[in-house]
């Protein structure tokens, strides 16, 4: 798959968000793709068969069958493709992490990073809202901002989050973190915060979502779906990366040089 990865990744930026979803699935689940029909793949990804066809054509194939054949031939070339043991069974996940990192950096909008840092500076109180796997980037960022001298929290109890959302005002800043941007509890908190006039920064994955429509500033990381059964194995490190850059920008611009760690 490395050969196809190098060949197809430059085309990714020219694809629509739905077509990018198809491409990501091709990389992460090639064995499933070569065994399914276009209709089955479309149903799995919640896209149309026309989107599947457009993606195939954008990658240089006449249709889905031709793309499946190319995938099959590529898999046969890999270690383990002919029955031999794999030299590194986790390579596809390493490739996924690399792709998520590179795409997050490539799509980075410095102006938004600067705006987020400015909102941190002008807000006397900052709260992070995240649940499940998206809670951990919140805890990490809140700890760093606290050490940088800001009043900041990332709460783990649902009732605490509810009371916090209700008590915040227009002077405060809320970061709402959700991979899908469709987490019901986060959307609930967002509606409460919106009603109170709280400034909101959303941090989500790459797909369009309802949370970003309520936010004053939108940050998006590239994260590829990865599930083992019902277990969500999608890494949130692009979220950590973006939050770190916002915090570094805040410290670089408005804290003493001795605190920034920069020469």
Protein backbone atom coordinates (compact mmCIF):
# COMPACT_ATOMS: atom_id res chain seq x y z
CA UNK A 1 0.00 0.00 0.00
CA UNK A 2 2.97 2.36 0.39
CA UNK A 3 3.25 2.73 -3.38
CA UNK A 4 -0.42 3.66 -3.70
CA UNK A 5 -0.15 5.95 -0.68
CA UNK A 6 2.58 7.99 -2.36
CA UNK A 7 0.69 8.00 -5.63
CA UNK A 8 -2.76 8.94 -4.29
CA UNK A 9 -2.00 11.30 -1.39
CA UNK A 10 -1.18 14.30 -3.64
CA UNK A 11 -4.67 13.93 -5.15
CA UNK A 12 -6.39 14.08 -1.76
CA UNK A 13 -6.41 17.87 -1.57
CA UNK A 14 -8.40 18.01 -4.82
CA UNK A 15 -11.17 15.75 -3.51
CA UNK A 16 -14.38 16.79 -1.80
CA UNK A 17 -14.83 15.89 1.90
CA UNK A 18 -16.98 12.89 0.97
CA UNK A 19 -14.46 11.71 -1.61
CA UNK A 20 -11.69 12.10 0.97
CA UNK A 21 -13.71 9.84 3.26
CA UNK A 22 -13.73 7.19 0.53
CA UNK A 23 -9.98 7.53 -0.03
CA UNK A 24 -9.21 7.22 3.67
CA UNK A 25 -11.28 4.06 3.85
CA UNK A 26 -9.40 2.61 0.87
CA UNK A 27 -6.12 3.05 2.74
CA UNK A 28 -7.34 1.76 6.07
CA UNK A 29 -9.45 -1.21 4.91
CA UNK A 30 -8.15 -2.36 1.50
CA UNK A 31 -8.95 -6.00 2.25
CA UNK A 32 -12.61 -5.14 2.83
CA UNK A 33 -12.80 -2.93 -0.25
CA UNK A 34 -11.64 -5.62 -2.67
CA UNK A 35 -14.36 -7.95 -1.36
CA UNK A 36 -17.31 -5.57 -1.49
CA UNK A 37 -19.53 -4.01 -4.13
CA UNK A 38 -19.77 -0.28 -4.77
CA UNK A 39 -23.25 -0.25 -3.25
CA UNK A 40 -22.00 -1.90 -0.06
CA UNK A 41 -19.11 0.53 0.26
CA UNK A 42 -21.43 3.49 -0.30
CA UNK A 43 -23.73 2.24 2.46
CA UNK A 44 -20.82 1.72 4.86
CA UNK A 45 -19.51 5.26 4.32
CA UNK A 46 -22.92 6.98 4.05
CA UNK A 47 -22.13 8.30 0.58
CA UNK A 48 -23.65 7.73 -2.84
CA UNK A 49 -22.34 5.31 -5.46
CA UNK A 50 -21.72 8.39 -7.61
CA UNK A 51 -19.26 9.60 -4.97
CA UNK A 52 -17.48 6.22 -5.17
CA UNK A 53 -17.25 6.53 -8.95
CA UNK A 54 -15.96 10.12 -8.83
CA UNK A 55 -13.29 9.12 -6.33
CA UNK A 56 -12.14 6.25 -8.54
CA UNK A 57 -11.96 8.51 -11.59
CA UNK A 58 -10.07 11.20 -9.64
CA UNK A 59 -7.48 8.55 -8.77
CA UNK A 60 -7.07 7.61 -12.42
CA UNK A 61 -9.38 4.61 -12.75
CA UNK A 62 -12.34 4.12 -15.04
CA UNK A 63 -14.46 2.70 -12.25
CA UNK A 64 -14.66 0.84 -8.97
CA UNK A 65 -13.80 -2.57 -10.43
CA UNK A 66 -10.56 -1.26 -11.91
CA UNK A 67 -9.62 0.35 -8.58
CA UNK A 68 -10.34 -2.90 -6.71
CA UNK A 69 -8.05 -4.79 -9.08
CA UNK A 70 -5.23 -2.29 -8.43
CA UNK A 71 -5.73 -2.66 -4.68
CA UNK A 72 -5.67 -6.44 -4.96
CA UNK A 73 -2.44 -6.42 -6.96
CA UNK A 74 -0.84 -4.05 -4.46
CA UNK A 75 -1.80 -6.27 -1.53
CA UNK A 76 -0.25 -9.28 -3.24
CA UNK A 77 3.07 -7.44 -3.42
CA UNK A 78 3.14 -6.77 0.32
CA UNK A 79 4.75 -9.06 2.89
CA UNK A 80 2.07 -11.51 3.88
CA UNK A 81 0.13 -10.98 0.67
CA UNK A 82 1.20 -14.40 -0.66
CA UNK A 83 0.81 -16.23 2.62
CA UNK A 84 4.23 -15.31 4.04
CA UNK A 85 4.31 -13.78 7.54
CA UNK A 86 4.14 -10.01 7.73
CA UNK A 87 7.39 -8.28 8.66
CA UNK A 88 5.49 -5.48 10.43
CA UNK A 89 1.77 -6.14 10.93
CA UNK A 90 1.12 -2.59 12.23
CA UNK A 91 2.41 -0.83 9.11
CA UNK A 92 -1.03 0.26 7.96
CA UNK A 93 -1.58 1.95 11.31
CA UNK A 94 1.82 3.63 11.13
CA UNK A 95 0.82 4.89 7.68
CA UNK A 96 -2.51 6.09 9.11
CA UNK A 97 -0.78 8.05 11.88
CA UNK A 98 1.67 9.57 9.40
CA UNK A 99 -1.14 10.57 7.05
CA UNK A 100 -3.18 12.13 9.86
CA UNK A 101 -0.18 14.13 11.04
CA UNK A 102 0.84 15.29 7.57
CA UNK A 103 -2.71 16.26 6.57
CA UNK A 104 -3.30 18.16 9.82
CA UNK A 105 -0.10 20.14 9.28
CA UNK A 106 -0.82 20.71 5.58
CA UNK A 107 -4.28 22.11 6.32
CA UNK A 108 -3.07 24.21 9.25
CA UNK A 109 -4.49 27.75 9.27
CA UNK A 110 -2.13 29.98 11.25
CA UNK A 111 -4.65 32.82 11.34
CA UNK A 112 -7.06 30.60 13.26
CA UNK A 113 -4.29 29.55 15.63
CA UNK A 114 -3.53 33.25 16.23
CA UNK A 115 -7.22 34.05 16.80
CA UNK A 116 -7.58 31.19 19.29
CA UNK A 117 -4.51 32.40 21.20
CA UNK A 118 -5.95 35.94 21.28
CA UNK A 119 -9.25 34.62 22.70
CA UNK A 120 -7.30 32.84 25.44
CA UNK A 121 -5.52 36.07 26.32
CA UNK A 122 -8.70 38.15 26.60
CA UNK A 123 -10.76 35.55 28.50
CA UNK A 124 -10.49 35.48 32.31
CA UNK A 125 -11.98 31.98 32.47
CA UNK A 126 -11.46 29.05 30.10
CA UNK A 127 -13.26 25.71 30.19
CA UNK A 128 -12.71 22.60 28.06
CA UNK A 129 -15.66 20.36 27.20
CA UNK A 130 -14.85 16.84 26.00
CA UNK A 131 -16.10 13.35 26.77
CA UNK A 132 -14.88 9.83 26.00
CA UNK A 133 -11.60 9.71 24.08
CA UNK A 134 -11.84 13.45 23.36
CA UNK A 135 -11.53 14.21 27.08
CA UNK A 136 -7.80 13.45 27.16
CA UNK A 137 -6.68 16.29 24.84
CA UNK A 138 -8.80 18.59 27.05
CA UNK A 139 -7.08 17.47 30.25
CA UNK A 140 -3.64 17.90 28.70
CA UNK A 141 -4.38 21.39 27.33
CA UNK A 142 -6.04 22.58 30.55
CA UNK A 143 -3.01 21.53 32.59
CA UNK A 144 -0.63 23.37 30.27
CA UNK A 145 -2.72 26.55 30.28
CA UNK A 146 -3.00 26.42 34.08
CA UNK A 147 0.78 26.26 34.32
CA UNK A 148 0.89 29.24 31.92
CA UNK A 149 -1.13 31.26 34.43
CA UNK A 150 -4.70 31.01 33.07
CA UNK A 151 -7.79 30.05 35.06
CA UNK A 152 -8.62 26.88 33.19
CA UNK A 153 -10.44 23.57 33.77
CA UNK A 154 -11.33 20.34 32.00
CA UNK A 155 -13.97 18.62 34.07
CA UNK A 156 -14.67 14.89 33.96
CA UNK A 157 -18.09 14.71 35.65
CA UNK A 158 -21.20 15.29 33.51
CA UNK A 159 -23.00 17.21 36.26
CA UNK A 160 -19.95 19.44 36.71
CA UNK A 161 -19.93 20.14 32.98
CA UNK A 162 -23.63 20.97 33.04
CA UNK A 163 -23.29 23.43 35.94
CA UNK A 164 -20.18 24.93 34.36
CA UNK A 165 -21.92 25.53 31.02
CA UNK A 166 -24.83 27.22 32.79
CA UNK A 167 -22.57 29.49 34.87
CA UNK A 168 -20.33 30.78 32.08
CA UNK A 169 -20.81 34.27 30.64
CA UNK A 170 -19.91 36.28 27.57
CA UNK A 171 -16.51 37.12 29.08
CA UNK A 172 -15.51 33.45 29.16
CA UNK A 173 -14.12 31.05 26.57
CA UNK A 174 -15.12 27.43 25.97
CA UNK A 175 -13.26 24.84 23.91
CA UNK A 176 -15.62 22.09 22.71
CA UNK A 177 -13.78 18.98 21.57
CA UNK A 178 -15.47 16.17 19.66
CA UNK A 179 -14.06 13.95 16.91
CA UNK A 180 -17.39 13.68 15.10
CA UNK A 181 -18.76 17.07 16.11
CA UNK A 182 -22.03 15.21 16.66
CA UNK A 183 -21.61 14.00 20.27
CA UNK A 184 -25.00 14.64 21.85
CA UNK A 185 -23.72 15.78 25.25
CA UNK A 186 -21.25 18.21 23.66
CA UNK A 187 -23.98 19.60 21.41
CA UNK A 188 -26.15 20.03 24.50
CA UNK A 189 -23.42 21.99 26.29
CA UNK A 190 -22.81 24.04 23.14
CA UNK A 191 -26.46 25.11 23.00
CA UNK A 192 -26.33 26.19 26.66
CA UNK A 193 -23.09 28.11 26.12
CA UNK A 194 -24.46 29.73 22.97
CA UNK A 195 -27.53 30.92 24.86
CA UNK A 196 -25.25 32.51 27.49
CA UNK A 197 -23.18 34.31 24.85
CA UNK A 198 -20.01 32.39 25.70
CA UNK A 199 -17.23 32.52 23.09
CA UNK A 200 -16.77 29.01 21.67
CA UNK A 201 -13.93 27.29 19.82
CA UNK A 202 -14.79 23.91 18.31
CA UNK A 203 -12.14 21.26 17.68
CA UNK A 204 -13.34 18.34 15.57
CA UNK A 205 -12.33 15.84 12.93
CA UNK A 206 -12.39 16.68 9.21
CA UNK A 207 -16.04 16.02 8.38
CA UNK A 208 -18.79 18.70 8.35
CA UNK A 209 -20.71 18.68 11.62
CA UNK A 210 -23.28 20.53 13.72
CA UNK A 211 -20.87 21.60 16.44
CA UNK A 212 -18.76 23.76 14.13
CA UNK A 213 -21.88 25.63 13.02
CA UNK A 214 -22.40 26.90 16.58
CA UNK A 215 -18.77 27.85 17.22
CA UNK A 216 -17.20 31.29 16.88
CA UNK A 217 -13.92 29.74 15.72
CA UNK A 218 -13.46 26.33 14.08
CA UNK A 219 -10.33 24.15 14.33
CA UNK A 220 -10.20 20.82 12.50
CA UNK A 221 -7.69 18.00 12.66
CA UNK A 222 -7.34 15.18 10.16
CA UNK A 223 -8.28 11.93 11.87
CA UNK A 224 -9.06 8.66 10.12
CA UNK A 225 -11.81 6.34 11.34
CA UNK A 226 -10.43 3.20 12.97
CA UNK A 227 -12.59 0.71 14.84
CA UNK A 228 -11.98 -2.77 16.24
CA UNK A 229 -15.54 -4.00 16.55
CA UNK A 230 -17.25 -1.26 18.54
CA UNK A 231 -13.97 -0.04 20.04
CA UNK A 232 -12.99 3.42 18.80
CA UNK A 233 -9.24 3.33 18.04
CA UNK A 234 -9.15 6.65 16.19
CA UNK A 235 -6.17 8.55 17.59
CA UNK A 236 -6.83 12.07 18.93
CA UNK A 237 -3.21 13.21 18.60
CA UNK A 238 -4.09 15.76 15.86
CA UNK A 239 -6.28 17.43 18.49
CA UNK A 240 -3.36 17.52 20.92
CA UNK A 241 -1.19 18.95 18.17
CA UNK A 242 -3.58 21.80 17.38
CA UNK A 243 -4.16 22.64 21.04
CA UNK A 244 -0.40 22.64 21.68
CA UNK A 245 0.12 25.07 18.80
CA UNK A 246 -2.57 27.40 20.16
CA UNK A 247 -1.01 27.33 23.64
CA UNK A 248 2.51 27.86 22.25
CA UNK A 249 1.26 30.84 20.23
CA UNK A 250 -0.38 32.30 23.34
CA UNK A 251 2.81 31.90 25.38
CA UNK A 252 5.04 33.12 22.54
CA UNK A 253 3.08 36.32 22.05
CA UNK A 254 1.91 37.28 25.52
CA UNK A 255 4.05 35.62 28.17
CA UNK A 256 7.56 36.54 29.23
CA UNK A 257 10.30 35.09 26.96
CA UNK A 258 11.72 33.23 29.94
CA UNK A 259 8.47 31.26 30.20
CA UNK A 260 8.21 30.37 26.52
CA UNK A 261 11.24 28.11 26.36
CA UNK A 262 12.30 29.88 23.16
CA UNK A 263 15.71 31.51 22.77
